[in-house]
Each structure stands twice: as C-alpha cells, then as structure tokens.
Amino acid sequence: MSNVRERATEISILRAIGVRARSVVRVFITRAMITGLLGAAIGYAAGLAVAVIVESLSPSLRVDSAAALFEPRLLAIVLAAAPLLAMLAS
C-alpha cells in the first residue's frame, strides 16, 4: 500500500488520461517484477564474482572451485522467485 501512496500523482495522471485501473495495477506489478528480476540477476552475478575473487585471493580456504558454484538450477530458482517476491512486496 505504501507504494500506491508514494505514486499517487503518477496514478492520478494515468487515470486522468483514461488508463483503466486494471492497467495501472498491471504497470506497477510489471515494474516490480522487472526490478526483482534485474536485482536477482545482478545479485547472483555479484555473488559469483565475489566467490571467484575470494577463491583467487585465498587458495588455502580449500573451497570448491567458484566456477563449480554456478548451478543452472539454482539460477533458475532465483530468477523465478525474485520477481514474485518483488511483486508481493510492492
């Protein structure tokens, strides 16, 4: 609900030019999902990059190869869950 209060002017303008309420809701949900997807992708890539850097700086940690940390299944779960969570949070 706070998102709606923060965007009251934007919503009012959209409604004034004839956009249906359902379309306004769709705009906000789509925006939240895209933000969640981009955030998840950037976060996953940053985490993987940090793992590679830590591995290269400290080989004595005896951690599995950072390249092995990349799991397509985990990436798929993250990229599927993040937009849904962002949508629910908005």
N, C-alpha and C. Protein backbone atom coordinates (compact mmCIF):
# COMPACT_ATOMS: atom_id res chain seq x y z
N MET A 1 0.80 -1.19 0.00
CA MET A 1 0.00 0.00 0.00
C MET A 1 0.85 1.26 0.00
N SER A 2 2.00 1.22 0.62
CA SER A 2 2.83 2.43 0.66
C SER A 2 3.27 2.81 -0.75
N ASN A 3 3.47 1.82 -1.61
CA ASN A 3 3.85 2.11 -2.99
C ASN A 3 2.76 2.92 -3.69
N VAL A 4 1.52 2.61 -3.41
CA VAL A 4 0.41 3.33 -4.02
C VAL A 4 0.39 4.77 -3.52
N ARG A 5 0.60 4.97 -2.23
CA ARG A 5 0.62 6.33 -1.68
C ARG A 5 1.77 7.14 -2.26
N GLU A 6 2.92 6.51 -2.42
CA GLU A 6 4.09 7.20 -2.96
C GLU A 6 3.88 7.57 -4.43
N ARG A 7 3.12 6.81 -5.13
CA ARG A 7 2.91 7.01 -6.57
C ARG A 7 1.56 7.63 -6.89
N ALA A 8 0.95 8.29 -5.94
CA ALA A 8 -0.40 8.83 -6.12
C ALA A 8 -0.48 9.78 -7.32
N THR A 9 0.51 10.62 -7.49
CA THR A 9 0.49 11.56 -8.62
C THR A 9 0.55 10.82 -9.94
N GLU A 10 1.44 9.85 -10.02
CA GLU A 10 1.58 9.07 -11.25
C GLU A 10 0.28 8.32 -11.56
N ILE A 11 -0.31 7.74 -10.54
CA ILE A 11 -1.57 7.02 -10.73
C ILE A 11 -2.66 7.98 -11.18
N SER A 12 -2.71 9.15 -10.56
CA SER A 12 -3.73 10.14 -10.93
C SER A 12 -3.59 10.59 -12.38
N ILE A 13 -2.36 10.79 -12.82
CA ILE A 13 -2.14 11.20 -14.21
C ILE A 13 -2.57 10.10 -15.16
N LEU A 14 -2.19 8.87 -14.86
CA LEU A 14 -2.58 7.75 -15.72
C LEU A 14 -4.10 7.63 -15.80
N ARG A 15 -4.76 7.77 -14.64
CA ARG A 15 -6.23 7.67 -14.63
C ARG A 15 -6.86 8.84 -15.37
N ALA A 16 -6.27 10.03 -15.26
CA ALA A 16 -6.82 11.22 -15.92
C ALA A 16 -6.75 11.13 -17.44
N ILE A 17 -5.75 10.42 -17.94
CA ILE A 17 -5.66 10.29 -19.40
C ILE A 17 -6.42 9.07 -19.92
N GLY A 18 -7.14 8.41 -19.00
CA GLY A 18 -8.05 7.35 -19.44
C GLY A 18 -7.56 5.93 -19.27
N VAL A 19 -6.47 5.74 -18.58
CA VAL A 19 -5.97 4.38 -18.36
C VAL A 19 -6.85 3.71 -17.31
N ARG A 20 -7.27 2.51 -17.60
CA ARG A 20 -8.13 1.78 -16.67
C ARG A 20 -7.36 1.40 -15.41
N ALA A 21 -8.06 1.25 -14.32
CA ALA A 21 -7.44 0.90 -13.03
C ALA A 21 -6.68 -0.42 -13.14
N ARG A 22 -7.24 -1.34 -13.87
CA ARG A 22 -6.59 -2.64 -14.03
C ARG A 22 -5.24 -2.49 -14.74
N SER A 23 -5.18 -1.61 -15.72
CA SER A 23 -3.93 -1.38 -16.44
C SER A 23 -2.90 -0.68 -15.55
N VAL A 24 -3.36 0.20 -14.69
CA VAL A 24 -2.45 0.87 -13.76
C VAL A 24 -1.82 -0.17 -12.83
N VAL A 25 -2.64 -1.07 -12.32
CA VAL A 25 -2.12 -2.13 -11.45
C VAL A 25 -1.12 -2.98 -12.21
N ARG A 26 -1.42 -3.29 -13.45
CA ARG A 26 -0.52 -4.09 -14.28
C ARG A 26 0.83 -3.40 -14.46
N VAL A 27 0.81 -2.08 -14.63
CA VAL A 27 2.05 -1.32 -14.78
C VAL A 27 2.93 -1.48 -13.53
N PHE A 28 2.33 -1.33 -12.36
CA PHE A 28 3.10 -1.43 -11.13
C PHE A 28 3.60 -2.85 -10.86
N ILE A 29 2.79 -3.83 -11.17
CA ILE A 29 3.21 -5.22 -10.98
C ILE A 29 4.34 -5.56 -11.94
N THR A 30 4.22 -5.12 -13.18
CA THR A 30 5.27 -5.38 -14.16
C THR A 30 6.57 -4.71 -13.76
N ARG A 31 6.47 -3.47 -13.30
CA ARG A 31 7.66 -2.74 -12.85
C ARG A 31 8.33 -3.47 -11.68
N ALA A 32 7.54 -3.95 -10.73
CA ALA A 32 8.09 -4.66 -9.58
C ALA A 32 8.77 -5.96 -10.02
N MET A 33 8.14 -6.67 -10.95
CA MET A 33 8.72 -7.94 -11.41
C MET A 33 10.03 -7.72 -12.16
N ILE A 34 10.09 -6.69 -12.99
CA ILE A 34 11.33 -6.40 -13.72
C ILE A 34 12.43 -5.99 -12.75
N THR A 35 12.08 -5.17 -11.76
CA THR A 35 13.06 -4.77 -10.76
C THR A 35 13.58 -5.99 -10.00
N GLY A 36 12.69 -6.88 -9.62
CA GLY A 36 13.09 -8.10 -8.91
C GLY A 36 13.98 -8.99 -9.76
N LEU A 37 13.65 -9.12 -11.03
CA LEU A 37 14.44 -9.94 -11.94
C LEU A 37 15.83 -9.37 -12.13
N LEU A 38 15.91 -8.07 -12.37
CA LEU A 38 17.22 -7.43 -12.53
C LEU A 38 18.04 -7.50 -11.25
N GLY A 39 17.40 -7.27 -10.12
CA GLY A 39 18.10 -7.35 -8.83
C GLY A 39 18.63 -8.75 -8.57
N ALA A 40 17.85 -9.75 -8.89
CA ALA A 40 18.28 -11.13 -8.68
C ALA A 40 19.45 -11.48 -9.59
N ALA A 41 19.37 -11.08 -10.84
CA ALA A 41 20.45 -11.39 -11.79
C ALA A 41 21.74 -10.69 -11.39
N ILE A 42 21.64 -9.42 -11.02
CA ILE A 42 22.84 -8.67 -10.60
C ILE A 42 23.39 -9.25 -9.29
N GLY A 43 22.52 -9.57 -8.36
CA GLY A 43 22.96 -10.14 -7.09
C GLY A 43 23.63 -11.50 -7.26
N TYR A 44 23.06 -12.33 -8.12
CA TYR A 44 23.63 -13.66 -8.35
C TYR A 44 25.01 -13.52 -9.00
N ALA A 45 25.12 -12.63 -10.00
CA ALA A 45 26.40 -12.42 -10.67
C ALA A 45 27.43 -11.83 -9.71
N ALA A 46 27.00 -10.89 -8.87
CA ALA A 46 27.93 -10.29 -7.90
C ALA A 46 28.40 -11.33 -6.88
N GLY A 47 27.50 -12.16 -6.44
CA GLY A 47 27.88 -13.22 -5.50
C GLY A 47 28.87 -14.20 -6.11
N LEU A 48 28.64 -14.55 -7.34
CA LEU A 48 29.56 -15.45 -8.03
C LEU A 48 30.92 -14.79 -8.23
N ALA A 49 30.92 -13.49 -8.56
CA ALA A 49 32.18 -12.76 -8.74
C ALA A 49 32.94 -12.68 -7.43
N VAL A 50 32.25 -12.43 -6.33
CA VAL A 50 32.91 -12.38 -5.02
C VAL A 50 33.50 -13.74 -4.68
N ALA A 51 32.79 -14.81 -5.00
CA ALA A 51 33.31 -16.16 -4.73
C ALA A 51 34.59 -16.42 -5.52
N VAL A 52 34.62 -15.99 -6.77
CA VAL A 52 35.82 -16.17 -7.59
C VAL A 52 36.98 -15.35 -7.02
N ILE A 53 36.71 -14.12 -6.61
CA ILE A 53 37.75 -13.26 -6.06
C ILE A 53 38.29 -13.84 -4.76
N VAL A 54 37.41 -14.27 -3.88
CA VAL A 54 37.85 -14.85 -2.60
C VAL A 54 38.68 -16.10 -2.85
N GLU A 55 38.24 -16.91 -3.79
CA GLU A 55 38.98 -18.13 -4.09
C GLU A 55 40.39 -17.81 -4.62
N SER A 56 40.48 -16.79 -5.47
CA SER A 56 41.77 -16.47 -6.04
C SER A 56 42.70 -15.82 -5.02
N LEU A 57 42.16 -15.08 -4.08
CA LEU A 57 42.98 -14.41 -3.07
C LEU A 57 43.39 -15.33 -1.93
N SER A 58 42.60 -16.34 -1.70
CA SER A 58 42.89 -17.22 -0.57
C SER A 58 42.70 -18.68 -0.95
N PRO A 59 43.65 -19.24 -1.67
CA PRO A 59 43.52 -20.64 -2.07
C PRO A 59 43.60 -21.61 -0.89
N SER A 60 44.07 -21.14 0.24
CA SER A 60 44.18 -22.02 1.40
C SER A 60 42.84 -22.33 2.05
N LEU A 61 41.76 -21.67 1.60
CA LEU A 61 40.44 -21.95 2.16
C LEU A 61 39.93 -23.33 1.78
N ARG A 62 40.52 -23.89 0.75
CA ARG A 62 40.15 -25.22 0.28
C ARG A 62 38.66 -25.31 -0.04
N VAL A 63 38.20 -24.31 -0.73
CA VAL A 63 36.80 -24.27 -1.16
C VAL A 63 36.74 -24.86 -2.55
N ASP A 64 35.62 -25.48 -2.86
CA ASP A 64 35.43 -25.99 -4.22
C ASP A 64 35.60 -24.83 -5.19
N SER A 65 35.91 -25.15 -6.38
CA SER A 65 36.10 -24.13 -7.40
C SER A 65 34.86 -23.23 -7.49
N ALA A 66 35.10 -21.93 -7.56
CA ALA A 66 33.99 -20.98 -7.65
C ALA A 66 33.19 -21.22 -8.93
N ALA A 67 33.84 -21.69 -9.96
CA ALA A 67 33.12 -21.99 -11.20
C ALA A 67 32.11 -23.11 -10.96
N ALA A 68 32.43 -24.01 -10.04
CA ALA A 68 31.51 -25.10 -9.73
C ALA A 68 30.32 -24.60 -8.93
N LEU A 69 30.43 -23.41 -8.35
CA LEU A 69 29.32 -22.85 -7.58
C LEU A 69 28.16 -22.43 -8.47
N PHE A 70 28.44 -22.20 -9.74
CA PHE A 70 27.38 -21.83 -10.67
C PHE A 70 26.53 -23.05 -10.96
N GLU A 71 25.30 -23.00 -10.50
CA GLU A 71 24.38 -24.10 -10.74
C GLU A 71 23.17 -23.55 -11.51
N PRO A 72 22.97 -24.01 -12.71
CA PRO A 72 21.85 -23.50 -13.50
C PRO A 72 20.50 -23.66 -12.80
N ARG A 73 20.34 -24.74 -12.06
CA ARG A 73 19.07 -24.97 -11.36
C ARG A 73 18.84 -23.89 -10.30
N LEU A 74 19.90 -23.55 -9.55
CA LEU A 74 19.79 -22.51 -8.54
C LEU A 74 19.51 -21.16 -9.18
N LEU A 75 20.17 -20.88 -10.28
CA LEU A 75 19.93 -19.63 -11.00
C LEU A 75 18.48 -19.55 -11.46
N ALA A 76 17.95 -20.64 -11.96
CA ALA A 76 16.55 -20.67 -12.40
C ALA A 76 15.60 -20.41 -11.23
N ILE A 77 15.89 -20.99 -10.09
CA ILE A 77 15.04 -20.79 -8.91
C ILE A 77 15.08 -19.33 -8.47
N VAL A 78 16.29 -18.78 -8.43
CA VAL A 78 16.45 -17.38 -8.01
C VAL A 78 15.73 -16.45 -8.98
N LEU A 79 15.91 -16.67 -10.27
CA LEU A 79 15.30 -15.79 -11.27
C LEU A 79 13.78 -15.97 -11.34
N ALA A 80 13.27 -17.09 -10.87
CA ALA A 80 11.83 -17.27 -10.83
C ALA A 80 11.22 -16.71 -9.56
N ALA A 81 11.91 -16.87 -8.44
CA ALA A 81 11.36 -16.45 -7.15
C ALA A 81 11.46 -14.95 -6.93
N ALA A 82 12.55 -14.34 -7.36
CA ALA A 82 12.77 -12.92 -7.08
C ALA A 82 11.67 -12.01 -7.64
N PRO A 83 11.27 -12.17 -8.89
CA PRO A 83 10.19 -11.30 -9.38
C PRO A 83 8.88 -11.49 -8.63
N LEU A 84 8.61 -12.72 -8.25
CA LEU A 84 7.38 -12.98 -7.49
C LEU A 84 7.42 -12.32 -6.12
N LEU A 85 8.57 -12.42 -5.46
CA LEU A 85 8.71 -11.78 -4.16
C LEU A 85 8.65 -10.26 -4.29
N ALA A 86 9.26 -9.72 -5.31
CA ALA A 86 9.21 -8.27 -5.53
C ALA A 86 7.78 -7.82 -5.81
N MET A 87 7.03 -8.62 -6.56
CA MET A 87 5.64 -8.29 -6.85
C MET A 87 4.82 -8.30 -5.57
N LEU A 88 5.03 -9.30 -4.74
CA LEU A 88 4.29 -9.37 -3.48
C LEU A 88 4.66 -8.22 -2.54
N ALA A 89 5.91 -7.81 -2.59
CA ALA A 89 6.37 -6.74 -1.70
C ALA A 89 5.87 -5.37 -2.14
N SER A 90 5.52 -5.25 -3.40
CA SER A 90 5.14 -3.92 -3.89
C SER A 90 3.71 -3.61 -3.62
